[in-house]
Amino acid sequence: MSLPAPDAFDHDAALTACARGDRTALRRLYEHEGRYLLGVALRIVRDRATAEDVLHDAFMNIWTRAATFDASRGAGRGWMYGIVRHRALDAVRAGSRTVSADEEAMDALQGDDAPTAPDMAEAFAVRADLGRLDDCLARLDIPKRNCVLYAYLDGCTHSEIAERVGAPLGSVKAWIRRGLASLRECLA
């Protein structure tokens, strides 16, 4: 999957237009980012129908909250990805993930004609387009970086991350907290 050039589309301007009630701007945002955002939702909820519902709800949220977007606090693209991620995590927490995918279902999702969710490297590349995030993540030590990526890209809970990295739960929580603090400091 090739990502669009970071400067090919002005997300901030489109969000500003949405805040003014420009439905065409919302459509352009959807056309430009919809498939990538669907991949993020699908990676977290692991169910196509639920991911589509999450994406719909997220775009409704983007439309209604566009006036709250503040470019001085971050990039519009990242703001949108955050909304999708939070909606997907809310769906998982609400128990809407009732379908467990077996091998056949996973093969169908990964078929030639089905859109695929981005892998960890592709998802990381999307976020790297947002500016200095790539450099800041590279500065984190490996446990902190992996924990942050598992939490924010895969939507894993602290317990799931502890199992994946083979570390105590308290350590994982501390690594995420310290990793996020380091990222905030680096991006400031």
Protein backbone atom coordinates (compact mmCIF):
# COMPACT_ATOMS: atom_id res chain seq x y z
CA MET A 1 0.00 0.00 0.00
CA SER A 2 1.49 3.31 -1.00
CA LEU A 3 0.75 6.32 1.14
CA PRO A 4 -0.05 9.70 -0.32
CA ALA A 5 2.63 12.33 -0.08
CA PRO A 6 2.29 14.22 3.21
CA ASP A 7 2.00 17.58 1.42
CA ALA A 8 -0.43 16.36 -1.26
CA PHE A 9 -3.48 17.15 0.84
CA ASP A 10 -4.12 19.90 3.38
CA HIS A 11 -5.97 18.14 6.19
CA ASP A 12 -5.96 21.24 8.38
CA ALA A 13 -7.65 23.36 5.70
CA ALA A 14 -10.23 20.64 5.03
CA LEU A 15 -11.05 20.43 8.75
CA THR A 16 -11.39 24.21 8.89
CA ALA A 17 -13.79 24.03 5.94
CA CYS A 18 -15.77 21.29 7.73
CA ALA A 19 -16.07 23.59 10.74
CA ARG A 20 -17.68 26.14 8.41
CA GLY A 21 -20.18 23.50 7.24
CA ASP A 22 -18.53 22.56 3.92
CA ARG A 23 -19.73 19.02 3.21
CA THR A 24 -17.46 18.77 0.19
CA ALA A 25 -14.46 19.12 2.50
CA LEU A 26 -15.70 16.19 4.59
CA ARG A 27 -16.12 14.12 1.43
CA ARG A 28 -12.55 15.00 0.37
CA LEU A 29 -11.25 13.97 3.79
CA TYR A 30 -13.09 10.67 3.49
CA GLU A 31 -11.87 10.03 -0.04
CA HIS A 32 -8.29 10.84 0.93
CA GLU A 33 -8.02 9.03 4.29
CA GLY A 34 -11.01 6.68 4.52
CA ARG A 35 -9.26 3.48 3.49
CA TYR A 36 -6.31 4.11 5.80
CA LEU A 37 -8.59 4.96 8.70
CA LEU A 38 -10.62 1.82 8.00
CA GLY A 39 -7.38 -0.14 8.25
CA VAL A 40 -6.65 1.39 11.64
CA ALA A 41 -10.15 0.55 12.90
CA LEU A 42 -10.00 -2.96 11.44
CA ARG A 43 -6.66 -3.63 13.10
CA ILE A 44 -8.14 -2.74 16.50
CA VAL A 45 -11.66 -4.23 16.34
CA ARG A 46 -10.76 -7.19 14.09
CA ASP A 47 -14.22 -7.28 12.51
CA ARG A 48 -14.99 -5.66 9.15
CA ALA A 49 -18.59 -4.64 9.93
CA THR A 50 -17.62 -3.17 13.28
CA ALA A 51 -14.67 -1.34 11.69
CA GLU A 52 -17.01 0.19 9.11
CA ASP A 53 -19.36 1.30 11.90
CA VAL A 54 -16.40 2.79 13.77
CA LEU A 55 -15.30 4.66 10.64
CA HIS A 56 -18.83 6.02 10.09
CA ASP A 57 -19.10 7.16 13.71
CA ALA A 58 -15.62 8.67 13.55
CA PHE A 59 -16.47 10.73 10.45
CA MET A 60 -19.68 11.91 12.10
CA ASN A 61 -17.53 12.93 15.06
CA ILE A 62 -15.00 14.64 12.78
CA TRP A 63 -17.85 16.59 11.16
CA THR A 64 -19.46 17.67 14.41
CA ARG A 65 -16.18 18.41 16.24
CA ALA A 66 -14.22 20.00 13.38
CA ALA A 67 -14.55 23.42 15.03
CA THR A 68 -12.64 22.09 18.05
CA PHE A 69 -9.60 21.14 15.96
CA ASP A 70 -6.63 23.32 16.89
CA ALA A 71 -3.72 23.20 14.44
CA SER A 72 -1.40 24.64 17.08
CA ARG A 73 -1.83 21.46 19.12
CA GLY A 74 -1.09 19.01 16.29
CA ALA A 75 -1.67 18.03 12.70
CA GLY A 76 -5.18 17.51 11.35
CA ARG A 77 -4.31 14.10 10.02
CA GLY A 78 -3.18 12.94 13.45
CA TRP A 79 -6.30 14.42 15.03
CA MET A 80 -8.45 12.31 12.68
CA TYR A 81 -6.45 9.14 13.36
CA GLY A 82 -6.85 9.76 17.08
CA ILE A 83 -10.62 9.99 16.74
CA VAL A 84 -10.77 6.70 14.81
CA ARG A 85 -8.48 4.99 17.28
CA HIS A 86 -10.53 6.12 20.28
CA ARG A 87 -13.80 5.10 18.60
CA ALA A 88 -12.36 1.67 17.83
CA LEU A 89 -11.13 1.19 21.38
CA ASP A 90 -14.55 2.28 22.68
CA ALA A 91 -16.17 -0.34 20.43
CA VAL A 92 -13.87 -3.05 21.79
CA ARG A 93 -14.50 -1.98 25.38
CA ALA A 94 -18.25 -1.93 24.79
CA GLY A 95 -18.08 -5.59 23.85
CA SER A 96 -19.01 -5.10 20.23
CA ARG A 97 -16.20 -7.44 19.23
CA THR A 98 -18.24 -10.62 19.44
CA VAL A 99 -16.97 -12.34 16.31
CA SER A 100 -13.70 -14.19 16.59
CA ALA A 101 -12.01 -14.60 13.26
CA ASP A 102 -11.04 -18.10 12.27
CA GLU A 103 -8.46 -18.94 9.60
CA GLU A 104 -11.04 -18.85 6.80
CA ALA A 105 -12.26 -15.39 7.80
CA MET A 106 -8.70 -14.08 8.02
CA ASP A 107 -7.94 -15.47 4.55
CA ALA A 108 -11.03 -13.73 3.19
CA LEU A 109 -9.92 -10.43 4.74
CA GLN A 110 -6.47 -10.80 3.23
CA GLY A 111 -7.72 -11.82 -0.24
CA ASP A 112 -6.57 -9.99 -3.35
CA ASP A 113 -9.76 -7.93 -3.70
CA ALA A 114 -10.20 -7.03 -0.03
CA PRO A 115 -8.52 -3.96 1.41
CA THR A 116 -5.94 -4.90 3.97
CA ALA A 117 -5.18 -3.32 7.29
CA PRO A 118 -1.77 -1.70 7.40
CA ASP A 119 0.94 -3.70 9.08
CA MET A 120 2.97 -2.20 11.91
CA ALA A 121 5.53 -0.64 9.54
CA GLU A 122 2.84 0.93 7.33
CA ALA A 123 0.92 2.25 10.31
CA PHE A 124 4.15 3.68 11.70
CA ALA A 125 4.85 5.29 8.30
CA VAL A 126 1.46 7.01 8.37
CA ARG A 127 2.26 8.56 11.71
CA ALA A 128 5.79 9.45 10.62
CA ASP A 129 4.23 11.74 8.02
CA LEU A 130 3.00 13.90 10.86
CA GLY A 131 6.38 15.51 11.37
CA ARG A 132 9.04 14.76 13.93
CA LEU A 133 7.23 11.77 15.42
CA ASP A 134 9.48 9.33 13.57
CA ASP A 135 12.62 10.87 15.06
CA CYS A 136 11.08 11.09 18.52
CA LEU A 137 10.00 7.43 18.48
CA ALA A 138 13.47 6.40 17.34
CA ARG A 139 14.94 8.14 20.42
CA LEU A 140 12.89 5.98 22.82
CA ASP A 141 14.49 2.83 24.13
CA ILE A 142 13.07 -0.36 22.61
CA PRO A 143 10.74 -1.45 25.47
CA LYS A 144 9.11 2.00 25.71
CA ARG A 145 8.77 2.32 21.94
CA ASN A 146 7.27 -1.16 21.54
CA CYS A 147 4.80 -0.62 24.37
CA VAL A 148 3.66 2.73 22.95
CA LEU A 149 3.27 1.24 19.46
CA TYR A 150 1.36 -1.80 20.74
CA ALA A 151 -0.97 0.48 22.70
CA TYR A 152 -1.57 3.09 20.01
CA LEU A 153 -1.29 1.11 16.78
CA ASP A 154 -2.70 -2.24 17.80
CA GLY A 155 -5.04 -0.95 20.51
CA CYS A 156 -3.70 -3.49 23.01
CA THR A 157 -4.54 -3.22 26.67
CA HIS A 158 -1.74 -2.96 29.22
CA SER A 159 -2.24 -6.64 30.11
CA GLU A 160 -2.01 -7.71 26.47
CA ILE A 161 1.18 -5.69 26.03
CA ALA A 162 2.67 -7.26 29.17
CA GLU A 163 2.00 -10.71 27.67
CA ARG A 164 3.49 -9.73 24.29
CA VAL A 165 6.71 -8.28 25.69
CA GLY A 166 7.00 -10.71 28.60
CA ALA A 167 7.27 -8.00 31.23
CA PRO A 168 5.41 -7.26 34.47
CA LEU A 169 2.24 -5.18 34.13
CA GLY A 170 3.62 -2.37 36.30
CA SER A 171 6.70 -2.08 34.08
CA VAL A 172 4.57 -1.87 30.95
CA LYS A 173 2.42 0.88 32.46
CA ALA A 174 5.54 2.81 33.49
CA TRP A 175 7.15 2.39 30.06
CA ILE A 176 4.04 3.69 28.31
CA ARG A 177 3.71 6.63 30.70
CA ARG A 178 7.41 7.53 30.42
CA GLY A 179 7.43 6.92 26.66
CA LEU A 180 4.49 9.27 26.14
CA ALA A 181 6.10 11.89 28.37
CA SER A 182 9.31 11.63 26.33
CA LEU A 183 7.34 11.96 23.08
CA ARG A 184 5.50 15.03 24.37
CA GLU A 185 8.80 16.61 25.39
CA CYS A 186 10.43 15.76 22.07
CA LEU A 187 7.51 17.06 20.00
CA ALA A 188 7.16 20.28 22.01
